[in-house]
């Protein structure tokens, strides 16, 4: 998985655990594709400070996933659901859809 895709997924799952400023900067960098210079101009801070915030946030988000494994477990569940759906048992598939709606 590309780093940007991975970080976007981490932000979707754990982003609210960052500070407001970390989240804003990471969203601009990873989701909105702003450059370090653009972000530094918007926040009136140095490019080094932006890069430091991004790197620190990456480490924080990676640690959350390493400890909680929520994303890994989600993908594993989705794979299992897909295999069960291929069995094409109508009643079972209805239950799986209900479970997926809870996610």
N, C-alpha and C. Protein backbone atom coordinates (compact mmCIF):
# COMPACT_ATOMS: atom_id res chain seq x y z
N UNK A 1 0.85 -1.17 0.00
CA UNK A 1 0.00 0.00 0.00
C UNK A 1 0.91 1.24 0.00
N UNK A 2 0.57 2.20 -0.84
CA UNK A 2 1.35 3.43 -0.87
C UNK A 2 1.23 4.16 0.46
N UNK A 3 2.29 4.89 0.79
CA UNK A 3 2.32 5.58 2.07
C UNK A 3 1.16 6.56 2.22
N UNK A 4 0.85 7.30 1.15
CA UNK A 4 -0.24 8.26 1.22
C UNK A 4 -1.57 7.57 1.50
N UNK A 5 -1.82 6.46 0.82
CA UNK A 5 -3.05 5.70 1.05
C UNK A 5 -3.10 5.20 2.48
N UNK A 6 -1.98 4.69 2.95
CA UNK A 6 -1.91 4.18 4.32
C UNK A 6 -2.18 5.29 5.32
N UNK A 7 -1.55 6.43 5.11
CA UNK A 7 -1.75 7.54 6.05
C UNK A 7 -3.18 8.06 6.00
N UNK A 8 -3.79 8.08 4.83
CA UNK A 8 -5.19 8.50 4.75
C UNK A 8 -6.08 7.55 5.53
N UNK A 9 -5.79 6.27 5.45
CA UNK A 9 -6.57 5.29 6.22
C UNK A 9 -6.34 5.48 7.72
N UNK A 10 -5.09 5.69 8.10
CA UNK A 10 -4.79 5.96 9.51
C UNK A 10 -5.53 7.21 9.99
N UNK A 11 -5.55 8.25 9.16
CA UNK A 11 -6.25 9.48 9.53
C UNK A 11 -7.74 9.24 9.67
N UNK A 12 -8.31 8.42 8.78
CA UNK A 12 -9.74 8.11 8.88
C UNK A 12 -10.07 7.39 10.18
N UNK A 13 -9.20 6.49 10.58
CA UNK A 13 -9.47 5.68 11.77
C UNK A 13 -9.06 6.38 13.07
N UNK A 14 -7.90 7.01 13.06
CA UNK A 14 -7.33 7.52 14.31
C UNK A 14 -7.11 9.03 14.32
N UNK A 15 -7.46 9.72 13.27
CA UNK A 15 -7.17 11.14 13.15
C UNK A 15 -7.68 11.99 14.29
N UNK A 16 -8.82 11.64 14.82
CA UNK A 16 -9.38 12.45 15.91
C UNK A 16 -8.56 12.36 17.19
N UNK A 17 -7.61 11.44 17.24
CA UNK A 17 -6.75 11.31 18.40
C UNK A 17 -5.54 12.24 18.32
N UNK A 18 -5.35 12.88 17.18
CA UNK A 18 -4.29 13.88 17.03
C UNK A 18 -4.78 15.21 17.55
N UNK A 19 -3.85 16.14 17.74
CA UNK A 19 -4.27 17.49 18.08
C UNK A 19 -4.95 18.10 16.85
N UNK A 20 -5.70 19.16 17.07
CA UNK A 20 -6.41 19.80 15.96
C UNK A 20 -5.43 20.26 14.88
N UNK A 21 -4.32 20.85 15.30
CA UNK A 21 -3.33 21.34 14.34
C UNK A 21 -2.67 20.19 13.59
N UNK A 22 -2.31 19.12 14.28
CA UNK A 22 -1.72 17.96 13.62
C UNK A 22 -2.68 17.40 12.57
N UNK A 23 -3.94 17.28 12.95
CA UNK A 23 -4.95 16.75 12.04
C UNK A 23 -5.11 17.64 10.81
N UNK A 24 -5.19 18.94 11.03
CA UNK A 24 -5.35 19.86 9.91
C UNK A 24 -4.17 19.78 8.95
N UNK A 25 -2.96 19.79 9.49
CA UNK A 25 -1.77 19.75 8.65
C UNK A 25 -1.69 18.42 7.89
N UNK A 26 -1.97 17.32 8.57
CA UNK A 26 -1.94 16.01 7.91
C UNK A 26 -3.01 15.90 6.83
N UNK A 27 -4.19 16.41 7.10
CA UNK A 27 -5.24 16.39 6.09
C UNK A 27 -4.83 17.19 4.86
N UNK A 28 -4.25 18.36 5.08
CA UNK A 28 -3.79 19.17 3.95
C UNK A 28 -2.71 18.43 3.16
N UNK A 29 -1.78 17.83 3.86
CA UNK A 29 -0.66 17.17 3.20
C UNK A 29 -1.06 15.87 2.51
N UNK A 30 -1.77 15.00 3.22
CA UNK A 30 -2.07 13.68 2.67
C UNK A 30 -3.36 13.64 1.85
N UNK A 31 -4.38 14.33 2.29
CA UNK A 31 -5.68 14.25 1.60
C UNK A 31 -5.85 15.33 0.54
N UNK A 32 -5.35 16.52 0.81
CA UNK A 32 -5.53 17.64 -0.13
C UNK A 32 -4.31 17.85 -1.02
N UNK A 33 -3.23 17.10 -0.75
CA UNK A 33 -2.01 17.14 -1.57
C UNK A 33 -1.35 18.52 -1.59
N UNK A 34 -1.40 19.23 -0.48
CA UNK A 34 -0.69 20.50 -0.37
C UNK A 34 0.79 20.22 -0.20
N UNK A 35 1.61 21.11 -0.68
CA UNK A 35 3.05 20.98 -0.48
C UNK A 35 3.43 21.50 0.91
N UNK A 36 4.65 21.17 1.33
CA UNK A 36 5.13 21.68 2.61
C UNK A 36 5.14 23.20 2.61
N UNK A 37 5.54 23.79 1.48
CA UNK A 37 5.59 25.25 1.36
C UNK A 37 4.21 25.87 1.48
N UNK A 38 3.23 25.27 0.83
CA UNK A 38 1.86 25.80 0.90
C UNK A 38 1.33 25.77 2.33
N UNK A 39 1.58 24.66 3.00
CA UNK A 39 1.12 24.53 4.38
C UNK A 39 1.84 25.52 5.29
N UNK A 40 3.16 25.64 5.09
CA UNK A 40 3.92 26.57 5.94
C UNK A 40 3.45 28.02 5.73
N UNK A 41 3.09 28.37 4.51
CA UNK A 41 2.56 29.71 4.25
C UNK A 41 1.21 29.91 4.93
N UNK A 42 0.33 28.91 4.84
CA UNK A 42 -1.00 29.00 5.44
C UNK A 42 -0.93 29.15 6.96
N UNK A 43 0.00 28.45 7.59
CA UNK A 43 0.09 28.47 9.05
C UNK A 43 1.16 29.44 9.57
N UNK A 44 1.88 30.05 8.62
CA UNK A 44 2.94 30.99 8.96
C UNK A 44 3.96 30.35 9.90
N UNK A 45 4.37 29.14 9.52
CA UNK A 45 5.43 28.42 10.24
C UNK A 45 6.43 27.93 9.20
N UNK A 46 7.57 27.47 9.65
CA UNK A 46 8.61 27.02 8.72
C UNK A 46 8.24 25.68 8.09
N UNK A 47 8.86 25.41 6.94
CA UNK A 47 8.66 24.11 6.29
C UNK A 47 9.14 22.99 7.22
N UNK A 48 10.21 23.26 7.97
CA UNK A 48 10.74 22.26 8.90
C UNK A 48 9.72 21.94 9.98
N UNK A 49 9.00 22.96 10.45
CA UNK A 49 7.97 22.73 11.47
C UNK A 49 6.82 21.90 10.90
N UNK A 50 6.46 22.16 9.65
CA UNK A 50 5.41 21.38 9.00
C UNK A 50 5.86 19.93 8.87
N UNK A 51 7.07 19.72 8.37
CA UNK A 51 7.60 18.37 8.20
C UNK A 51 7.68 17.64 9.54
N UNK A 52 8.11 18.34 10.57
CA UNK A 52 8.20 17.75 11.91
C UNK A 52 6.81 17.32 12.40
N UNK A 53 5.81 18.16 12.17
CA UNK A 53 4.44 17.84 12.58
C UNK A 53 3.94 16.61 11.83
N UNK A 54 4.22 16.54 10.54
CA UNK A 54 3.79 15.40 9.73
C UNK A 54 4.47 14.13 10.20
N UNK A 55 5.78 14.18 10.39
CA UNK A 55 6.52 12.98 10.83
C UNK A 55 6.06 12.52 12.21
N UNK A 56 5.88 13.47 13.12
CA UNK A 56 5.43 13.12 14.47
C UNK A 56 4.03 12.48 14.41
N UNK A 57 3.17 13.06 13.59
CA UNK A 57 1.81 12.53 13.45
C UNK A 57 1.82 11.13 12.83
N UNK A 58 2.67 10.93 11.83
CA UNK A 58 2.81 9.60 11.23
C UNK A 58 3.18 8.57 12.28
N UNK A 59 4.15 8.93 13.12
CA UNK A 59 4.59 8.00 14.17
C UNK A 59 3.47 7.71 15.16
N UNK A 60 2.74 8.74 15.54
CA UNK A 60 1.63 8.57 16.49
C UNK A 60 0.57 7.64 15.91
N UNK A 61 0.17 7.91 14.66
CA UNK A 61 -0.86 7.10 14.02
C UNK A 61 -0.41 5.66 13.83
N UNK A 62 0.84 5.48 13.44
CA UNK A 62 1.39 4.12 13.27
C UNK A 62 1.39 3.36 14.59
N UNK A 63 1.72 4.05 15.67
CA UNK A 63 1.72 3.41 16.99
C UNK A 63 0.31 2.99 17.41
N UNK A 64 -0.68 3.84 17.13
CA UNK A 64 -2.05 3.46 17.43
C UNK A 64 -2.43 2.17 16.71
N UNK A 65 -2.12 2.10 15.42
CA UNK A 65 -2.47 0.90 14.66
C UNK A 65 -1.68 -0.30 15.15
N UNK A 66 -0.41 -0.10 15.48
CA UNK A 66 0.42 -1.20 15.97
C UNK A 66 -0.16 -1.79 17.26
N UNK A 67 -0.68 -0.91 18.12
CA UNK A 67 -1.21 -1.35 19.41
C UNK A 67 -2.64 -1.86 19.32
N UNK A 68 -3.45 -1.23 18.50
CA UNK A 68 -4.89 -1.57 18.45
C UNK A 68 -5.27 -2.50 17.31
N UNK A 69 -4.54 -2.46 16.23
CA UNK A 69 -4.80 -3.31 15.06
C UNK A 69 -6.22 -3.20 14.52
N UNK A 70 -6.85 -2.08 14.66
CA UNK A 70 -8.23 -1.94 14.20
C UNK A 70 -8.36 -2.04 12.69
N UNK A 71 -7.43 -1.44 11.97
CA UNK A 71 -7.49 -1.45 10.51
C UNK A 71 -7.20 -2.85 9.99
N UNK A 72 -6.19 -3.48 10.54
CA UNK A 72 -5.84 -4.84 10.12
C UNK A 72 -7.00 -5.80 10.37
N UNK A 73 -7.62 -5.70 11.53
CA UNK A 73 -8.76 -6.56 11.84
C UNK A 73 -9.95 -6.27 10.93
N UNK A 74 -10.17 -5.00 10.62
CA UNK A 74 -11.27 -4.63 9.72
C UNK A 74 -11.07 -5.28 8.35
N UNK A 75 -9.87 -5.19 7.81
CA UNK A 75 -9.60 -5.78 6.50
C UNK A 75 -9.73 -7.30 6.53
N UNK A 76 -9.30 -7.92 7.61
CA UNK A 76 -9.44 -9.37 7.75
C UNK A 76 -10.91 -9.76 7.78
N UNK A 77 -11.73 -8.99 8.52
CA UNK A 77 -13.17 -9.27 8.56
C UNK A 77 -13.79 -9.13 7.17
N UNK A 78 -13.42 -8.09 6.46
CA UNK A 78 -13.97 -7.86 5.13
C UNK A 78 -13.62 -9.02 4.19
N UNK A 79 -12.42 -9.54 4.31
CA UNK A 79 -12.00 -10.67 3.48
C UNK A 79 -12.82 -11.92 3.81
N UNK A 80 -13.04 -12.16 5.10
CA UNK A 80 -13.84 -13.32 5.51
C UNK A 80 -15.28 -13.17 5.04
N UNK A 81 -15.85 -11.97 5.21
CA UNK A 81 -17.21 -11.72 4.73
C UNK A 81 -17.32 -12.00 3.23
N UNK A 82 -16.32 -11.58 2.48
CA UNK A 82 -16.33 -11.81 1.03
C UNK A 82 -16.33 -13.29 0.69
N UNK A 83 -15.55 -14.06 1.41
CA UNK A 83 -15.50 -15.51 1.18
C UNK A 83 -16.84 -16.16 1.51
N UNK A 84 -17.44 -15.73 2.60
CA UNK A 84 -18.73 -16.29 3.00
C UNK A 84 -19.81 -15.92 1.98
N UNK A 85 -19.78 -14.69 1.50
CA UNK A 85 -20.76 -14.25 0.51
C UNK A 85 -20.69 -15.08 -0.76
N UNK A 86 -19.49 -15.51 -1.12
CA UNK A 86 -19.31 -16.32 -2.33
C UNK A 86 -20.01 -17.67 -2.22
N UNK A 87 -20.32 -18.09 -1.01
CA UNK A 87 -21.05 -19.34 -0.81
C UNK A 87 -22.49 -19.21 -1.30
N UNK A 88 -22.93 -17.96 -1.43
CA UNK A 88 -24.25 -17.62 -1.95
C UNK A 88 -25.39 -18.29 -1.19
N UNK A 89 -25.35 -18.17 0.12
CA UNK A 89 -26.43 -18.63 0.98
C UNK A 89 -27.20 -17.38 1.38
N UNK A 90 -28.38 -17.23 0.84
CA UNK A 90 -29.16 -15.99 0.95
C UNK A 90 -29.29 -15.50 2.39
N UNK A 91 -29.72 -16.37 3.28
CA UNK A 91 -29.96 -15.96 4.66
C UNK A 91 -28.66 -15.53 5.35
N UNK A 92 -27.60 -16.27 5.09
CA UNK A 92 -26.30 -15.93 5.68
C UNK A 92 -25.82 -14.58 5.15
N UNK A 93 -25.98 -14.36 3.84
CA UNK A 93 -25.55 -13.09 3.25
C UNK A 93 -26.33 -11.91 3.84
N UNK A 94 -27.60 -12.13 4.18
CA UNK A 94 -28.38 -11.07 4.80
C UNK A 94 -27.81 -10.70 6.16
N UNK A 95 -27.40 -11.71 6.91
CA UNK A 95 -26.80 -11.46 8.22
C UNK A 95 -25.46 -10.73 8.07
N UNK A 96 -24.68 -11.11 7.10
CA UNK A 96 -23.39 -10.45 6.86
C UNK A 96 -23.62 -8.99 6.50
N UNK A 97 -24.59 -8.71 5.68
CA UNK A 97 -24.89 -7.33 5.31
C UNK A 97 -25.28 -6.52 6.55
N UNK A 98 -26.02 -7.14 7.46
CA UNK A 98 -26.38 -6.45 8.70
C UNK A 98 -25.14 -6.14 9.54
N UNK A 99 -24.24 -7.09 9.59
CA UNK A 99 -22.99 -6.89 10.35
C UNK A 99 -22.17 -5.78 9.70
N UNK A 100 -22.06 -5.80 8.38
CA UNK A 100 -21.28 -4.78 7.68
C UNK A 100 -21.87 -3.39 7.88
N UNK A 101 -23.18 -3.31 7.99
CA UNK A 101 -23.84 -2.03 8.22
C UNK A 101 -23.46 -1.45 9.58
N UNK A 102 -23.09 -2.32 10.52
CA UNK A 102 -22.68 -1.86 11.84
C UNK A 102 -21.28 -1.22 11.80
N UNK A 103 -20.46 -1.65 10.85
CA UNK A 103 -19.11 -1.09 10.72
C UNK A 103 -19.25 0.28 10.13
